[in-house]
């Protein structure tokens, strides 16, 4: 569940955040580029999803969020990702991914 919380925080996909070095000087990676995080997210979906169809929908909505498609790709969503709390951000921009938004909130 920790991986899911990390992966659904829009701040961790911000270009400026990703360009800043992590503690110890290591380069940062977006959550979807970290194998351990991706595996944790999929395990969480297995626990949360009631059936295979719901898990498929969650994966599709996650891909849309991570790919910054639709509302997720607007300039406002990108700006607000670093200024709003994750709950406020998902409440504002999560309408295109209602099941994922409910989990994020």
PDB file of N, CA and C in Angstrom:
ATOM      1  N   UNK A   1       0.819  -1.191   0.000  1.00  0.00           N
ATOM      2  CA  UNK A   1       0.000   0.000   0.000  1.00  0.00           C
ATOM      3  C   UNK A   1       0.872   1.268   0.000  1.00  0.00           C
ATOM      4  N   UNK A   2       2.061   1.182   0.582  1.00  0.00           N
ATOM      5  CA  UNK A   2       2.956   2.334   0.566  1.00  0.00           C
ATOM      6  C   UNK A   2       3.373   2.664  -0.868  1.00  0.00           C
ATOM      7  N   UNK A   3       3.636   1.634  -1.644  1.00  0.00           N
ATOM      8  CA  UNK A   3       4.009   1.844  -3.048  1.00  0.00           C
ATOM      9  C   UNK A   3       2.868   2.518  -3.796  1.00  0.00           C
ATOM     10  N   UNK A   4       1.643   2.110  -3.506  1.00  0.00           N
ATOM     11  CA  UNK A   4       0.478   2.691  -4.173  1.00  0.00           C
ATOM     12  C   UNK A   4       0.356   4.174  -3.821  1.00  0.00           C
ATOM     13  N   UNK A   5       0.517   4.498  -2.539  1.00  0.00           N
ATOM     14  CA  UNK A   5       0.455   5.901  -2.137  1.00  0.00           C
ATOM     15  C   UNK A   5       1.532   6.737  -2.822  1.00  0.00           C
ATOM     16  N   UNK A   6       2.727   6.206  -2.909  1.00  0.00           N
ATOM     17  CA  UNK A   6       3.825   6.892  -3.588  1.00  0.00           C
ATOM     18  C   UNK A   6       3.520   7.065  -5.068  1.00  0.00           C
ATOM     19  N   UNK A   7       3.027   6.004  -5.704  1.00  0.00           N
ATOM     20  CA  UNK A   7       2.771   6.025  -7.142  1.00  0.00           C
ATOM     21  C   UNK A   7       1.610   6.933  -7.526  1.00  0.00           C
ATOM     22  N   UNK A   8       0.695   7.212  -6.603  1.00  0.00           N
ATOM     23  CA  UNK A   8      -0.466   8.044  -6.910  1.00  0.00           C
ATOM     24  C   UNK A   8      -0.284   9.502  -6.491  1.00  0.00           C
ATOM     25  N   UNK A   9       0.879   9.862  -6.008  1.00  0.00           N
ATOM     26  CA  UNK A   9       1.138  11.247  -5.642  1.00  0.00           C
ATOM     27  C   UNK A   9       1.661  11.977  -6.876  1.00  0.00           C
ATOM     28  N   UNK A  10       0.889  12.922  -7.421  1.00  0.00           N
ATOM     29  CA  UNK A  10       1.308  13.583  -8.663  1.00  0.00           C
ATOM     30  C   UNK A  10       2.617  14.360  -8.543  1.00  0.00           C
ATOM     31  N   UNK A  11       2.975  14.766  -7.340  1.00  0.00           N
ATOM     32  CA  UNK A  11       4.213  15.512  -7.133  1.00  0.00           C
ATOM     33  C   UNK A  11       5.431  14.719  -7.597  1.00  0.00           C
ATOM     34  N   UNK A  12       5.400  13.412  -7.405  1.00  0.00           N
ATOM     35  CA  UNK A  12       6.570  12.592  -7.723  1.00  0.00           C
ATOM     36  C   UNK A  12       6.759  12.338  -9.212  1.00  0.00           C
ATOM     37  N   UNK A  13       5.893  12.932 -10.055  1.00  0.00           N
ATOM     38  CA  UNK A  13       6.044  12.857 -11.507  1.00  0.00           C
ATOM     39  C   UNK A  13       6.438  14.222 -12.089  1.00  0.00           C
ATOM     40  N   UNK A  14       6.571  15.226 -11.239  1.00  0.00           N
ATOM     41  CA  UNK A  14       6.908  16.577 -11.677  1.00  0.00           C
ATOM     42  C   UNK A  14       8.315  16.614 -12.278  1.00  0.00           C
ATOM     43  N   UNK A  15       8.440  17.286 -13.392  1.00  0.00           N
ATOM     44  CA  UNK A  15       9.723  17.362 -14.106  1.00  0.00           C
ATOM     45  C   UNK A  15      10.815  17.962 -13.224  1.00  0.00           C
ATOM     46  N   UNK A  16      10.515  19.034 -12.531  1.00  0.00           N
ATOM     47  CA  UNK A  16      11.523  19.677 -11.681  1.00  0.00           C
ATOM     48  C   UNK A  16      11.937  18.766 -10.537  1.00  0.00           C
ATOM     49  N   UNK A  17      10.975  18.081  -9.934  1.00  0.00           N
ATOM     50  CA  UNK A  17      11.293  17.134  -8.865  1.00  0.00           C
ATOM     51  C   UNK A  17      12.214  16.036  -9.395  1.00  0.00           C
ATOM     52  N   UNK A  18      11.882  15.486 -10.546  1.00  0.00           N
ATOM     53  CA  UNK A  18      12.667  14.382 -11.109  1.00  0.00           C
ATOM     54  C   UNK A  18      14.067  14.808 -11.517  1.00  0.00           C
ATOM     55  N   UNK A  19      14.250  16.081 -11.826  1.00  0.00           N
ATOM     56  CA  UNK A  19      15.574  16.568 -12.217  1.00  0.00           C
ATOM     57  C   UNK A  19      16.457  16.889 -11.016  1.00  0.00           C
ATOM     58  N   UNK A  20      15.857  17.006  -9.837  1.00  0.00           N
ATOM     59  CA  UNK A  20      16.658  17.275  -8.638  1.00  0.00           C
ATOM     60  C   UNK A  20      17.231  15.956  -8.120  1.00  0.00           C
ATOM     61  N   UNK A  21      18.458  15.981  -7.604  1.00  0.00           N
ATOM     62  CA  UNK A  21      19.057  14.733  -7.124  1.00  0.00           C
ATOM     63  C   UNK A  21      18.383  14.244  -5.842  1.00  0.00           C
ATOM     64  N   UNK A  22      18.306  12.948  -5.711  1.00  0.00           N
ATOM     65  CA  UNK A  22      17.783  12.326  -4.491  1.00  0.00           C
ATOM     66  C   UNK A  22      18.847  12.411  -3.407  1.00  0.00           C
ATOM     67  N   UNK A  23      18.473  12.172  -2.148  1.00  0.00           N
ATOM     68  CA  UNK A  23      19.497  12.138  -1.103  1.00  0.00           C
ATOM     69  C   UNK A  23      20.618  11.165  -1.473  1.00  0.00           C
ATOM     70  N   UNK A  24      21.833  11.592  -1.283  1.00  0.00           N
ATOM     71  CA  UNK A  24      22.981  10.774  -1.671  1.00  0.00           C
ATOM     72  C   UNK A  24      23.434  11.035  -3.091  1.00  0.00           C
ATOM     73  N   UNK A  25      22.715  11.917  -3.801  1.00  0.00           N
ATOM     74  CA  UNK A  25      23.114  12.290  -5.153  1.00  0.00           C
ATOM     75  C   UNK A  25      22.603  11.405  -6.265  1.00  0.00           C
ATOM     76  N   UNK A  26      21.885  10.347  -5.926  1.00  0.00           N
ATOM     77  CA  UNK A  26      21.330   9.451  -6.951  1.00  0.00           C
ATOM     78  C   UNK A  26      20.286  10.196  -7.782  1.00  0.00           C
ATOM     79  N   UNK A  27      20.179   9.890  -9.071  1.00  0.00           N
ATOM     80  CA  UNK A  27      19.107  10.503  -9.863  1.00  0.00           C
ATOM     81  C   UNK A  27      17.747   9.959  -9.420  1.00  0.00           C
ATOM     82  N   UNK A  28      16.746  10.810  -9.463  1.00  0.00           N
ATOM     83  CA  UNK A  28      15.395  10.394  -9.118  1.00  0.00           C
ATOM     84  C   UNK A  28      14.746   9.699 -10.311  1.00  0.00           C
ATOM     85  N   UNK A  29      13.810   8.817 -10.001  1.00  0.00           N
ATOM     86  CA  UNK A  29      13.021   8.143 -11.033  1.00  0.00           C
ATOM     87  C   UNK A  29      11.554   8.314 -10.694  1.00  0.00           C
ATOM     88  N   UNK A  30      10.731   8.463 -11.718  1.00  0.00           N
ATOM     89  CA  UNK A  30       9.291   8.500 -11.497  1.00  0.00           C
ATOM     90  C   UNK A  30       8.873   7.148 -10.937  1.00  0.00           C
ATOM     91  N   UNK A  31       7.830   7.118 -10.117  1.00  0.00           N
ATOM     92  CA  UNK A  31       7.397   5.847  -9.532  1.00  0.00           C
ATOM     93  C   UNK A  31       7.157   4.732 -10.547  1.00  0.00           C
ATOM     94  N   UNK A  32       6.653   5.076 -11.723  1.00  0.00           N
ATOM     95  CA  UNK A  32       6.386   4.046 -12.734  1.00  0.00           C
ATOM     96  C   UNK A  32       7.659   3.516 -13.385  1.00  0.00           C
ATOM     97  N   UNK A  33       8.805   4.073 -13.057  1.00  0.00           N
ATOM     98  CA  UNK A  33      10.089   3.588 -13.579  1.00  0.00           C
ATOM     99  C   UNK A  33      10.861   2.788 -12.538  1.00  0.00           C
ATOM    100  N   UNK A  34      10.230   2.518 -11.414  1.00  0.00           N
ATOM    101  CA  UNK A  34      10.859   1.765 -10.327  1.00  0.00           C
ATOM    102  C   UNK A  34      10.153   0.421 -10.208  1.00  0.00           C
ATOM    103  N   UNK A  35      10.868  -0.646 -10.506  1.00  0.00           N
ATOM    104  CA  UNK A  35      10.278  -1.984 -10.535  1.00  0.00           C
ATOM    105  C   UNK A  35       9.612  -2.353  -9.210  1.00  0.00           C
ATOM    106  N   UNK A  36      10.261  -2.051  -8.098  1.00  0.00           N
ATOM    107  CA  UNK A  36       9.699  -2.391  -6.791  1.00  0.00           C
ATOM    108  C   UNK A  36       8.355  -1.677  -6.564  1.00  0.00           C
ATOM    109  N   UNK A  37       8.283  -0.418  -6.969  1.00  0.00           N
ATOM    110  CA  UNK A  37       7.043   0.346  -6.812  1.00  0.00           C
ATOM    111  C   UNK A  37       5.954  -0.228  -7.715  1.00  0.00           C
ATOM    112  N   UNK A  38       6.289  -0.503  -8.956  1.00  0.00           N
ATOM    113  CA  UNK A  38       5.300  -1.057  -9.889  1.00  0.00           C
ATOM    114  C   UNK A  38       4.766  -2.388  -9.371  1.00  0.00           C
ATOM    115  N   UNK A  39       5.642  -3.247  -8.897  1.00  0.00           N
ATOM    116  CA  UNK A  39       5.189  -4.533  -8.349  1.00  0.00           C
ATOM    117  C   UNK A  39       4.295  -4.324  -7.135  1.00  0.00           C
ATOM    118  N   UNK A  40       4.629  -3.366  -6.277  1.00  0.00           N
ATOM    119  CA  UNK A  40       3.811  -3.061  -5.110  1.00  0.00           C
ATOM    120  C   UNK A  40       2.438  -2.537  -5.490  1.00  0.00           C
ATOM    121  N   UNK A  41       2.387  -1.716  -6.514  1.00  0.00           N
ATOM    122  CA  UNK A  41       1.104  -1.182  -6.991  1.00  0.00           C
ATOM    123  C   UNK A  41       0.229  -2.314  -7.512  1.00  0.00           C
ATOM    124  N   UNK A  42       0.804  -3.197  -8.299  1.00  0.00           N
ATOM    125  CA  UNK A  42       0.020  -4.305  -8.854  1.00  0.00           C
ATOM    126  C   UNK A  42      -0.483  -5.243  -7.760  1.00  0.00           C
ATOM    127  N   UNK A  43       0.334  -5.465  -6.730  1.00  0.00           N
ATOM    128  CA  UNK A  43      -0.111  -6.280  -5.595  1.00  0.00           C
ATOM    129  C   UNK A  43      -1.259  -5.592  -4.858  1.00  0.00           C
ATOM    130  N   UNK A  44      -1.164  -4.281  -4.702  1.00  0.00           N
ATOM    131  CA  UNK A  44      -2.240  -3.537  -4.042  1.00  0.00           C
ATOM    132  C   UNK A  44      -3.526  -3.624  -4.853  1.00  0.00           C
ATOM    133  N   UNK A  45      -3.412  -3.517  -6.176  1.00  0.00           N
ATOM    134  CA  UNK A  45      -4.602  -3.647  -7.030  1.00  0.00           C
ATOM    135  C   UNK A  45      -5.221  -5.037  -6.879  1.00  0.00           C
ATOM    136  N   UNK A  46      -4.384  -6.056  -6.729  1.00  0.00           N
ATOM    137  CA  UNK A  46      -4.904  -7.414  -6.528  1.00  0.00           C
ATOM    138  C   UNK A  46      -5.726  -7.497  -5.244  1.00  0.00           C
ATOM    139  N   UNK A  47      -5.312  -6.760  -4.213  1.00  0.00           N
ATOM    140  CA  UNK A  47      -6.043  -6.770  -2.944  1.00  0.00           C
ATOM    141  C   UNK A  47      -7.295  -5.900  -3.000  1.00  0.00           C
ATOM    142  N   UNK A  48      -7.196  -4.774  -3.685  1.00  0.00           N
ATOM    143  CA  UNK A  48      -8.288  -3.804  -3.715  1.00  0.00           C
ATOM    144  C   UNK A  48      -9.374  -4.203  -4.713  1.00  0.00           C
ATOM    145  N   UNK A  49      -8.952  -4.624  -5.898  1.00  0.00           N
ATOM    146  CA  UNK A  49      -9.902  -4.944  -6.960  1.00  0.00           C
ATOM    147  C   UNK A  49     -10.773  -6.134  -6.608  1.00  0.00           C
ATOM    148  N   UNK A  50     -12.063  -5.975  -6.827  1.00  0.00           N
ATOM    149  CA  UNK A  50     -12.999  -7.054  -6.495  1.00  0.00           C
ATOM    150  C   UNK A  50     -12.944  -8.206  -7.485  1.00  0.00           C
ATOM    151  N   UNK A  51     -12.553  -7.907  -8.720  1.00  0.00           N
ATOM    152  CA  UNK A  51     -12.468  -8.947  -9.739  1.00  0.00           C
ATOM    153  C   UNK A  51     -11.477  -8.509 -10.810  1.00  0.00           C
ATOM    154  N   UNK A  52     -11.282  -9.385 -11.784  1.00  0.00           N
ATOM    155  CA  UNK A  52     -10.315  -9.094 -12.841  1.00  0.00           C
ATOM    156  C   UNK A  52     -10.652  -7.854 -13.641  1.00  0.00           C
ATOM    157  N   UNK A  53     -11.922  -7.614 -13.863  1.00  0.00           N
ATOM    158  CA  UNK A  53     -12.341  -6.435 -14.625  1.00  0.00           C
ATOM    159  C   UNK A  53     -12.011  -5.142 -13.875  1.00  0.00           C
ATOM    160  N   UNK A  54     -12.263  -5.122 -12.584  1.00  0.00           N
ATOM    161  CA  UNK A  54     -11.951  -3.923 -11.812  1.00  0.00           C
ATOM    162  C   UNK A  54     -10.441  -3.684 -11.768  1.00  0.00           C
ATOM    163  N   UNK A  55      -9.660  -4.727 -11.635  1.00  0.00           N
ATOM    164  CA  UNK A  55      -8.196  -4.580 -11.638  1.00  0.00           C
ATOM    165  C   UNK A  55      -7.712  -4.075 -13.001  1.00  0.00           C
ATOM    166  N   UNK A  56      -8.330  -4.532 -14.077  1.00  0.00           N
ATOM    167  CA  UNK A  56      -7.972  -4.057 -15.422  1.00  0.00           C
ATOM    168  C   UNK A  56      -8.270  -2.568 -15.557  1.00  0.00           C
ATOM    169  N   UNK A  57      -9.419  -2.145 -15.058  1.00  0.00           N
ATOM    170  CA  UNK A  57      -9.793  -0.728 -15.112  1.00  0.00           C
ATOM    171  C   UNK A  57      -8.805   0.112 -14.306  1.00  0.00           C
ATOM    172  N   UNK A  58      -8.426  -0.358 -13.135  1.00  0.00           N
ATOM    173  CA  UNK A  58      -7.451   0.372 -12.323  1.00  0.00           C
ATOM    174  C   UNK A  58      -6.122   0.503 -13.056  1.00  0.00           C
ATOM    175  N   UNK A  59      -5.680  -0.565 -13.699  1.00  0.00           N
ATOM    176  CA  UNK A  59      -4.412  -0.500 -14.448  1.00  0.00           C
ATOM    177  C   UNK A  59      -4.519   0.485 -15.612  1.00  0.00           C
ATOM    178  N   UNK A  60      -5.654   0.490 -16.299  1.00  0.00           N
ATOM    179  CA  UNK A  60      -5.841   1.431 -17.418  1.00  0.00           C
ATOM    180  C   UNK A  60      -5.834   2.874 -16.919  1.00  0.00           C
ATOM    181  N   UNK A  61      -6.530   3.110 -15.818  1.00  0.00           N
ATOM    182  CA  UNK A  61      -6.582   4.464 -15.273  1.00  0.00           C
ATOM    183  C   UNK A  61      -5.214   4.899 -14.759  1.00  0.00           C
ATOM    184  N   UNK A  62      -4.470   3.984 -14.175  1.00  0.00           N
ATOM    185  CA  UNK A  62      -3.112   4.297 -13.725  1.00  0.00           C
ATOM    186  C   UNK A  62      -2.237   4.685 -14.907  1.00  0.00           C
ATOM    187  N   UNK A  63      -2.339   3.944 -16.003  1.00  0.00           N
ATOM    188  CA  UNK A  63      -1.547   4.259 -17.191  1.00  0.00           C
ATOM    189  C   UNK A  63      -1.897   5.650 -17.729  1.00  0.00           C
ATOM    190  N   UNK A  64      -3.164   6.003 -17.695  1.00  0.00           N
ATOM    191  CA  UNK A  64      -3.591   7.325 -18.147  1.00  0.00           C
ATOM    192  C   UNK A  64      -3.009   8.416 -17.254  1.00  0.00           C
ATOM    193  N   UNK A  65      -3.035   8.186 -15.939  1.00  0.00           N
ATOM    194  CA  UNK A  65      -2.452   9.136 -14.979  1.00  0.00           C
ATOM    195  C   UNK A  65      -0.946   9.265 -15.206  1.00  0.00           C
ATOM    196  N   UNK A  66      -0.255   8.136 -15.283  1.00  0.00           N
ATOM    197  CA  UNK A  66       1.196   8.173 -15.431  1.00  0.00           C
ATOM    198  C   UNK A  66       1.624   8.749 -16.780  1.00  0.00           C
ATOM    199  N   UNK A  67       0.814   8.541 -17.810  1.00  0.00           N
ATOM    200  CA  UNK A  67       1.120   9.080 -19.131  1.00  0.00           C
ATOM    201  C   UNK A  67       0.654  10.509 -19.334  1.00  0.00           C
ATOM    202  N   UNK A  68       0.059  11.085 -18.291  1.00  0.00           N
ATOM    203  CA  UNK A  68      -0.446  12.468 -18.333  1.00  0.00           C
ATOM    204  C   UNK A  68      -1.379  12.680 -19.522  1.00  0.00           C
ATOM    205  N   UNK A  69      -2.328  11.748 -19.659  1.00  0.00           N
ATOM    206  CA  UNK A  69      -3.318  11.844 -20.726  1.00  0.00           C
ATOM    207  C   UNK A  69      -4.558  12.577 -20.220  1.00  0.00           C
ATOM    208  N   UNK A  70      -5.281  13.186 -21.148  1.00  0.00           N
ATOM    209  CA  UNK A  70      -6.521  13.868 -20.796  1.00  0.00           C
ATOM    210  C   UNK A  70      -6.285  14.982 -19.797  1.00  0.00           C
ATOM    211  N   UNK A  71      -7.148  15.053 -18.785  1.00  0.00           N
ATOM    212  CA  UNK A  71      -7.038  16.096 -17.757  1.00  0.00           C
ATOM    213  C   UNK A  71      -5.686  16.061 -17.045  1.00  0.00           C
ATOM    214  N   UNK A  72      -5.107  14.880 -16.934  1.00  0.00           N
ATOM    215  CA  UNK A  72      -3.832  14.749 -16.226  1.00  0.00           C
ATOM    216  C   UNK A  72      -2.695  15.480 -16.943  1.00  0.00           C
ATOM    217  N   UNK A  73      -2.849  15.732 -18.228  1.00  0.00           N
ATOM    218  CA  UNK A  73      -1.797  16.367 -19.006  1.00  0.00           C
ATOM    219  C   UNK A  73      -1.951  17.863 -19.181  1.00  0.00           C
ATOM    220  N   UNK A  74      -2.997  18.440 -18.601  1.00  0.00           N
ATOM    221  CA  UNK A  74      -3.194  19.878 -18.761  1.00  0.00           C
ATOM    222  C   UNK A  74      -2.145  20.652 -17.975  1.00  0.00           C
ATOM    223  N   UNK A  75      -1.890  21.864 -18.423  1.00  0.00           N
ATOM    224  CA  UNK A  75      -0.923  22.716 -17.741  1.00  0.00           C
ATOM    225  C   UNK A  75      -1.350  22.953 -16.295  1.00  0.00           C
ATOM    226  N   UNK A  76      -2.636  23.162 -16.084  1.00  0.00           N
ATOM    227  CA  UNK A  76      -3.127  23.392 -14.722  1.00  0.00           C
ATOM    228  C   UNK A  76      -2.843  22.192 -13.822  1.00  0.00           C
ATOM    229  N   UNK A  77      -3.071  20.988 -14.328  1.00  0.00           N
ATOM    230  CA  UNK A  77      -2.820  19.780 -13.528  1.00  0.00           C
ATOM    231  C   UNK A  77      -1.340  19.659 -13.191  1.00  0.00           C
ATOM    232  N   UNK A  78      -0.482  19.991 -14.129  1.00  0.00           N
ATOM    233  CA  UNK A  78       0.959  19.908 -13.880  1.00  0.00           C
ATOM    234  C   UNK A  78       1.405  20.947 -12.851  1.00  0.00           C
ATOM    235  N   UNK A  79       0.889  22.159 -12.949  1.00  0.00           N
ATOM    236  CA  UNK A  79       1.233  23.211 -11.991  1.00  0.00           C
ATOM    237  C   UNK A  79       0.702  22.850 -10.611  1.00  0.00           C
ATOM    238  N   UNK A  80      -0.547  22.413 -10.562  1.00  0.00           N
ATOM    239  CA  UNK A  80      -1.176  22.104  -9.279  1.00  0.00           C
ATOM    240  C   UNK A  80      -0.585  20.861  -8.613  1.00  0.00           C
ATOM    241  N   UNK A  81       0.085  20.008  -9.375  1.00  0.00           N
ATOM    242  CA  UNK A  81       0.704  18.805  -8.805  1.00  0.00           C
ATOM    243  C   UNK A  81       1.750  19.152  -7.755  1.00  0.00           C
ATOM    244  N   UNK A  82       2.346  20.337  -7.867  1.00  0.00           N
ATOM    245  CA  UNK A  82       3.373  20.732  -6.908  1.00  0.00           C
ATOM    246  C   UNK A  82       2.867  21.738  -5.876  1.00  0.00           C
ATOM    247  N   UNK A  83       1.650  22.240  -6.061  1.00  0.00           N
ATOM    248  CA  UNK A  83       1.143  23.253  -5.137  1.00  0.00           C
ATOM    249  C   UNK A  83      -0.041  22.758  -4.303  1.00  0.00           C
ATOM    250  N   UNK A  84      -0.742  21.730  -4.762  1.00  0.00           N
ATOM    251  CA  UNK A  84      -1.909  21.208  -4.042  1.00  0.00           C
ATOM    252  C   UNK A  84      -1.532  19.943  -3.272  1.00  0.00           C
ATOM    253  N   UNK A  85      -2.315  19.659  -2.261  1.00  0.00           N
ATOM    254  CA  UNK A  85      -2.159  18.361  -1.593  1.00  0.00           C
ATOM    255  C   UNK A  85      -2.623  17.288  -2.578  1.00  0.00           C
ATOM    256  N   UNK A  86      -2.125  16.069  -2.464  1.00  0.00           N
ATOM    257  CA  UNK A  86      -2.578  15.005  -3.364  1.00  0.00           C
ATOM    258  C   UNK A  86      -4.101  14.792  -3.314  1.00  0.00           C
ATOM    259  N   UNK A  87      -4.705  14.917  -2.145  1.00  0.00           N
ATOM    260  CA  UNK A  87      -6.162  14.741  -2.037  1.00  0.00           C
ATOM    261  C   UNK A  87      -6.887  15.820  -2.829  1.00  0.00           C
ATOM    262  N   UNK A  88      -6.466  17.069  -2.683  1.00  0.00           N
ATOM    263  CA  UNK A  88      -7.090  18.166  -3.436  1.00  0.00           C
ATOM    264  C   UNK A  88      -6.863  17.992  -4.930  1.00  0.00           C
ATOM    265  N   UNK A  89      -5.655  17.579  -5.291  1.00  0.00           N
ATOM    266  CA  UNK A  89      -5.342  17.390  -6.703  1.00  0.00           C
ATOM    267  C   UNK A  89      -6.241  16.315  -7.311  1.00  0.00           C
ATOM    268  N   UNK A  90      -6.354  15.163  -6.656  1.00  0.00           N
ATOM    269  CA  UNK A  90      -7.205  14.090  -7.171  1.00  0.00           C
ATOM    270  C   UNK A  90      -8.672  14.496  -7.178  1.00  0.00           C
ATOM    271  N   UNK A  91      -9.098  15.280  -6.202  1.00  0.00           N
ATOM    272  CA  UNK A  91     -10.477  15.759  -6.175  1.00  0.00           C
ATOM    273  C   UNK A  91     -10.754  16.681  -7.355  1.00  0.00           C
ATOM    274  N   UNK A  92      -9.738  17.410  -7.797  1.00  0.00           N
ATOM    275  CA  UNK A  92      -9.884  18.350  -8.900  1.00  0.00           C
ATOM    276  C   UNK A  92      -9.735  17.675 -10.261  1.00  0.00           C
ATOM    277  N   UNK A  93      -8.764  16.796 -10.410  1.00  0.00           N
ATOM    278  CA  UNK A  93      -8.415  16.260 -11.726  1.00  0.00           C
ATOM    279  C   UNK A  93      -8.736  14.773 -11.935  1.00  0.00           C
ATOM    280  N   UNK A  94      -9.303  14.122 -10.952  1.00  0.00           N
ATOM    281  CA  UNK A  94      -9.493  12.681 -11.035  1.00  0.00           C
ATOM    282  C   UNK A  94     -10.748  12.189 -11.718  1.00  0.00           C
ATOM    283  N   UNK A  95     -11.567  13.075 -12.277  1.00  0.00           N
ATOM    284  CA  UNK A  95     -12.854  12.663 -12.852  1.00  0.00           C
ATOM    285  C   UNK A  95     -12.712  11.656 -14.000  1.00  0.00           C
ATOM    286  N   UNK A  96     -11.609  11.709 -14.733  1.00  0.00           N
ATOM    287  CA  UNK A  96     -11.425  10.770 -15.846  1.00  0.00           C
ATOM    288  C   UNK A  96     -10.943   9.400 -15.387  1.00  0.00           C
ATOM    289  N   UNK A  97     -10.644   9.282 -14.113  1.00  0.00           N
ATOM    290  CA  UNK A  97     -10.197   8.000 -13.548  1.00  0.00           C
ATOM    291  C   UNK A  97     -10.912   7.814 -12.200  1.00  0.00           C
ATOM    292  N   UNK A  98     -12.231   7.643 -12.228  1.00  0.00           N
ATOM    293  CA  UNK A  98     -12.988   7.662 -10.973  1.00  0.00           C
ATOM    294  C   UNK A  98     -12.624   6.574  -9.981  1.00  0.00           C
ATOM    295  N   UNK A  99     -12.356   5.364 -10.450  1.00  0.00           N
ATOM    296  CA  UNK A  99     -12.008   4.282  -9.517  1.00  0.00           C
ATOM    297  C   UNK A  99     -10.636   4.547  -8.893  1.00  0.00           C
ATOM    298  N   UNK A 100      -9.673   4.944  -9.701  1.00  0.00           N
ATOM    299  CA  UNK A 100      -8.343   5.249  -9.198  1.00  0.00           C
ATOM    300  C   UNK A 100      -8.369   6.469  -8.290  1.00  0.00           C
ATOM    301  N   UNK A 101      -9.147   7.469  -8.660  1.00  0.00           N
ATOM    302  CA  UNK A 101      -9.279   8.665  -7.858  1.00  0.00           C
ATOM    303  C   UNK A 101      -9.835   8.337  -6.476  1.00  0.00           C
ATOM    304  N   UNK A 102     -10.802   7.467  -6.415  1.00  0.00           N
ATOM    305  CA  UNK A 102     -11.376   7.076  -5.128  1.00  0.00           C
ATOM    306  C   UNK A 102     -10.316   6.431  -4.222  1.00  0.00           C
ATOM    307  N   UNK A 103      -9.478   5.609  -4.805  1.00  0.00           N
ATOM    308  CA  UNK A 103      -8.401   4.977  -4.046  1.00  0.00           C
ATOM    309  C   UNK A 103      -7.387   6.018  -3.596  1.00  0.00           C
ATOM    310  N   UNK A 104      -7.020   6.930  -4.496  1.00  0.00           N
ATOM    311  CA  UNK A 104      -6.019   7.949  -4.179  1.00  0.00           C
ATOM    312  C   UNK A 104      -6.488   8.859  -3.048  1.00  0.00           C
ATOM    313  N   UNK A 105      -7.734   9.224  -3.108  1.00  0.00           N
ATOM    314  CA  UNK A 105      -8.286  10.132  -2.083  1.00  0.00           C
ATOM    315  C   UNK A 105      -8.417   9.399  -0.760  1.00  0.00           C
TER     316      UNK A 105
END
